[in-house]
Amino acid sequence: MKEAGNTTTEQPPLRFLKVRDVCDKIAVSRSRLYELLIEDEDFPKPFKDSDSRQAPNYWVEHEIEEWMRRRMERARRR
């Protein structure tokens, strides 16, 4: 329950997605996902949880969903 006068906006819970999860969520192949990272400057950038080259990439789910919403809105305005 929020207190009166509290202007803090609730953040969605963080959920990290791996490459396969992102591909499934936006219905693209792995190669298309990496093309989006290069071609679409609005596409969320992944992060690694270590400095190792072999460390997996992770995306924040709500950033991917926000990108999907913006893309859908652009498509509908055409």
N, C-alpha and C. Protein backbone atom coordinates (compact mmCIF):
# COMPACT_ATOMS: atom_id res chain seq x y z
N MET A 1 0.84 -1.17 0.00
CA MET A 1 0.00 0.00 0.00
C MET A 1 0.89 1.23 0.00
N LYS A 2 0.57 2.21 -0.84
CA LYS A 2 1.33 3.44 -0.93
C LYS A 2 0.82 4.45 0.07
N GLU A 3 1.75 5.21 0.60
CA GLU A 3 1.36 6.27 1.51
C GLU A 3 0.98 7.50 0.71
N ALA A 4 0.08 8.32 1.28
CA ALA A 4 -0.32 9.56 0.63
C ALA A 4 0.89 10.45 0.46
N GLY A 5 1.02 11.05 -0.71
CA GLY A 5 2.13 11.95 -0.98
C GLY A 5 3.40 11.24 -1.44
N ASN A 6 3.39 9.95 -1.47
CA ASN A 6 4.56 9.20 -1.92
C ASN A 6 4.61 9.24 -3.44
N THR A 7 5.63 9.84 -3.99
CA THR A 7 5.73 9.99 -5.45
C THR A 7 6.63 8.94 -6.07
N THR A 8 7.08 7.98 -5.29
CA THR A 8 7.94 6.93 -5.82
C THR A 8 7.14 6.04 -6.76
N THR A 9 7.69 5.83 -7.93
CA THR A 9 7.04 4.94 -8.89
C THR A 9 7.57 3.53 -8.68
N GLU A 10 6.67 2.58 -8.69
CA GLU A 10 7.10 1.20 -8.52
C GLU A 10 7.80 0.72 -9.77
N GLN A 11 8.94 0.09 -9.58
CA GLN A 11 9.68 -0.50 -10.68
C GLN A 11 9.22 -1.94 -10.85
N PRO A 12 9.14 -2.40 -12.09
CA PRO A 12 8.80 -3.81 -12.28
C PRO A 12 9.92 -4.68 -11.70
N PRO A 13 9.60 -5.88 -11.25
CA PRO A 13 10.64 -6.75 -10.72
C PRO A 13 11.65 -7.07 -11.83
N LEU A 14 12.91 -7.14 -11.44
CA LEU A 14 13.94 -7.45 -12.42
C LEU A 14 13.94 -8.93 -12.74
N ARG A 15 13.97 -9.21 -14.02
CA ARG A 15 14.09 -10.59 -14.48
C ARG A 15 15.09 -10.57 -15.61
N PHE A 16 16.13 -11.36 -15.49
CA PHE A 16 17.16 -11.41 -16.51
C PHE A 16 16.84 -12.50 -17.52
N LEU A 17 17.09 -12.19 -18.78
CA LEU A 17 16.84 -13.13 -19.87
C LEU A 17 18.15 -13.48 -20.56
N LYS A 18 18.31 -14.73 -20.92
CA LYS A 18 19.46 -15.16 -21.72
C LYS A 18 19.09 -15.03 -23.20
N VAL A 19 20.06 -15.26 -24.05
CA VAL A 19 19.87 -15.13 -25.50
C VAL A 19 18.64 -15.90 -25.97
N ARG A 20 18.54 -17.15 -25.58
CA ARG A 20 17.41 -17.98 -26.04
C ARG A 20 16.08 -17.39 -25.59
N ASP A 21 16.03 -16.87 -24.36
CA ASP A 21 14.80 -16.28 -23.83
C ASP A 21 14.40 -15.05 -24.64
N VAL A 22 15.38 -14.21 -24.97
CA VAL A 22 15.09 -13.00 -25.76
C VAL A 22 14.62 -13.38 -27.15
N CYS A 23 15.29 -14.34 -27.76
CA CYS A 23 14.88 -14.80 -29.10
C CYS A 23 13.44 -15.32 -29.08
N ASP A 24 13.10 -16.11 -28.08
CA ASP A 24 11.74 -16.63 -27.97
C ASP A 24 10.74 -15.49 -27.74
N LYS A 25 11.10 -14.54 -26.89
CA LYS A 25 10.18 -13.45 -26.54
C LYS A 25 9.87 -12.57 -27.74
N ILE A 26 10.88 -12.27 -28.58
CA ILE A 26 10.63 -11.37 -29.71
C ILE A 26 10.51 -12.13 -31.03
N ALA A 27 10.53 -13.45 -30.95
CA ALA A 27 10.29 -14.33 -32.10
C ALA A 27 11.28 -14.09 -33.24
N VAL A 28 12.56 -14.11 -32.89
CA VAL A 28 13.60 -13.99 -33.92
C VAL A 28 14.67 -15.05 -33.68
N SER A 29 15.48 -15.27 -34.70
CA SER A 29 16.60 -16.19 -34.57
C SER A 29 17.74 -15.51 -33.81
N ARG A 30 18.69 -16.30 -33.39
CA ARG A 30 19.86 -15.77 -32.69
C ARG A 30 20.62 -14.79 -33.58
N SER A 31 20.78 -15.14 -34.86
CA SER A 31 21.51 -14.25 -35.77
C SER A 31 20.76 -12.92 -35.96
N ARG A 32 19.43 -12.98 -36.03
CA ARG A 32 18.65 -11.74 -36.15
C ARG A 32 18.76 -10.89 -34.89
N LEU A 33 18.82 -11.54 -33.73
CA LEU A 33 19.00 -10.81 -32.49
C LEU A 33 20.29 -10.01 -32.53
N TYR A 34 21.36 -10.63 -32.96
CA TYR A 34 22.64 -9.92 -33.02
C TYR A 34 22.64 -8.84 -34.10
N GLU A 35 21.88 -9.03 -35.17
CA GLU A 35 21.71 -7.96 -36.16
C GLU A 35 20.99 -6.77 -35.54
N LEU A 36 19.96 -7.03 -34.75
CA LEU A 36 19.24 -5.95 -34.08
C LEU A 36 20.17 -5.15 -33.17
N LEU A 37 21.06 -5.83 -32.48
CA LEU A 37 22.00 -5.14 -31.60
C LEU A 37 22.87 -4.16 -32.38
N ILE A 38 23.19 -4.50 -33.62
CA ILE A 38 24.03 -3.64 -34.46
C ILE A 38 23.19 -2.57 -35.15
N GLU A 39 22.05 -2.96 -35.71
CA GLU A 39 21.26 -2.07 -36.58
C GLU A 39 20.31 -1.14 -35.83
N ASP A 40 19.76 -1.58 -34.71
CA ASP A 40 18.73 -0.82 -34.01
C ASP A 40 19.31 -0.18 -32.75
N GLU A 41 19.58 1.10 -32.82
CA GLU A 41 20.19 1.77 -31.67
C GLU A 41 19.29 1.81 -30.45
N ASP A 42 17.98 1.58 -30.63
CA ASP A 42 17.04 1.56 -29.51
C ASP A 42 16.95 0.20 -28.82
N PHE A 43 17.51 -0.82 -29.47
CA PHE A 43 17.41 -2.15 -28.88
C PHE A 43 18.26 -2.22 -27.62
N PRO A 44 17.70 -2.75 -26.53
CA PRO A 44 18.44 -2.81 -25.26
C PRO A 44 19.76 -3.58 -25.40
N LYS A 45 20.77 -3.06 -24.76
CA LYS A 45 22.08 -3.70 -24.79
C LYS A 45 22.16 -4.72 -23.65
N PRO A 46 22.81 -5.85 -23.93
CA PRO A 46 22.96 -6.86 -22.88
C PRO A 46 24.10 -6.48 -21.93
N PHE A 47 24.17 -7.22 -20.86
CA PHE A 47 25.30 -7.07 -19.94
C PHE A 47 25.80 -8.45 -19.57
N LYS A 48 27.03 -8.50 -19.11
CA LYS A 48 27.63 -9.74 -18.62
C LYS A 48 27.85 -9.60 -17.12
N ASP A 49 27.74 -10.70 -16.41
CA ASP A 49 27.94 -10.62 -14.97
C ASP A 49 29.38 -10.90 -14.56
N SER A 50 30.28 -10.96 -15.54
CA SER A 50 31.71 -11.09 -15.25
C SER A 50 32.48 -10.54 -16.44
N ASP A 51 33.78 -10.44 -16.28
CA ASP A 51 34.62 -9.92 -17.35
C ASP A 51 35.05 -10.99 -18.34
N SER A 52 34.71 -12.22 -18.05
CA SER A 52 35.09 -13.33 -18.91
C SER A 52 34.41 -13.22 -20.27
N ARG A 53 35.16 -13.49 -21.32
CA ARG A 53 34.60 -13.48 -22.68
C ARG A 53 33.50 -14.54 -22.84
N GLN A 54 33.62 -15.62 -22.08
CA GLN A 54 32.65 -16.71 -22.17
C GLN A 54 31.40 -16.48 -21.32
N ALA A 55 31.38 -15.43 -20.53
CA ALA A 55 30.22 -15.17 -19.68
C ALA A 55 29.00 -14.92 -20.55
N PRO A 56 27.84 -15.46 -20.16
CA PRO A 56 26.64 -15.26 -20.97
C PRO A 56 26.16 -13.81 -20.94
N ASN A 57 25.48 -13.43 -22.02
CA ASN A 57 24.82 -12.12 -22.07
C ASN A 57 23.47 -12.24 -21.38
N TYR A 58 23.07 -11.16 -20.71
CA TYR A 58 21.75 -11.08 -20.10
C TYR A 58 21.10 -9.77 -20.50
N TRP A 59 19.78 -9.81 -20.66
CA TRP A 59 18.98 -8.62 -20.89
C TRP A 59 17.99 -8.49 -19.75
N VAL A 60 17.55 -7.27 -19.48
CA VAL A 60 16.52 -7.04 -18.48
C VAL A 60 15.17 -7.14 -19.19
N GLU A 61 14.31 -8.01 -18.69
CA GLU A 61 13.05 -8.31 -19.39
C GLU A 61 12.21 -7.07 -19.65
N HIS A 62 12.05 -6.19 -18.67
CA HIS A 62 11.16 -5.04 -18.89
C HIS A 62 11.75 -4.07 -19.93
N GLU A 63 13.08 -4.06 -20.13
CA GLU A 63 13.68 -3.24 -21.19
C GLU A 63 13.32 -3.82 -22.56
N ILE A 64 13.34 -5.14 -22.68
CA ILE A 64 12.94 -5.80 -23.93
C ILE A 64 11.46 -5.53 -24.20
N GLU A 65 10.63 -5.64 -23.19
CA GLU A 65 9.20 -5.41 -23.37
C GLU A 65 8.91 -3.96 -23.76
N GLU A 66 9.63 -3.03 -23.19
CA GLU A 66 9.45 -1.61 -23.55
C GLU A 66 9.86 -1.39 -25.00
N TRP A 67 10.94 -2.01 -25.45
CA TRP A 67 11.36 -1.92 -26.85
C TRP A 67 10.26 -2.49 -27.75
N MET A 68 9.67 -3.60 -27.35
CA MET A 68 8.59 -4.21 -28.14
C MET A 68 7.41 -3.25 -28.26
N ARG A 69 7.04 -2.60 -27.16
CA ARG A 69 5.92 -1.65 -27.18
C ARG A 69 6.21 -0.49 -28.14
N ARG A 70 7.40 0.08 -28.06
CA ARG A 70 7.76 1.19 -28.94
C ARG A 70 7.73 0.76 -30.41
N ARG A 71 8.24 -0.41 -30.68
CA ARG A 71 8.27 -0.92 -32.06
C ARG A 71 6.84 -1.14 -32.58
N MET A 72 5.97 -1.67 -31.73
CA MET A 72 4.58 -1.90 -32.11
C MET A 72 3.87 -0.57 -32.37
N GLU A 73 4.12 0.42 -31.52
CA GLU A 73 3.50 1.74 -31.71
C GLU A 73 3.94 2.37 -33.03
N ARG A 74 5.23 2.26 -33.35
CA ARG A 74 5.72 2.79 -34.63
C ARG A 74 5.07 2.10 -35.81
N ALA A 75 4.92 0.80 -35.73
CA ALA A 75 4.32 0.03 -36.82
C ALA A 75 2.84 0.42 -37.01
N ARG A 76 2.15 0.67 -35.93
CA ARG A 76 0.73 1.02 -36.03
C ARG A 76 0.51 2.44 -36.56
N ARG A 77 1.49 3.31 -36.41
CA ARG A 77 1.35 4.68 -36.91
C ARG A 77 1.56 4.77 -38.41
N ARG A 78 2.11 3.76 -39.00
CA ARG A 78 2.39 3.81 -40.46
C ARG A 78 1.15 3.68 -41.27
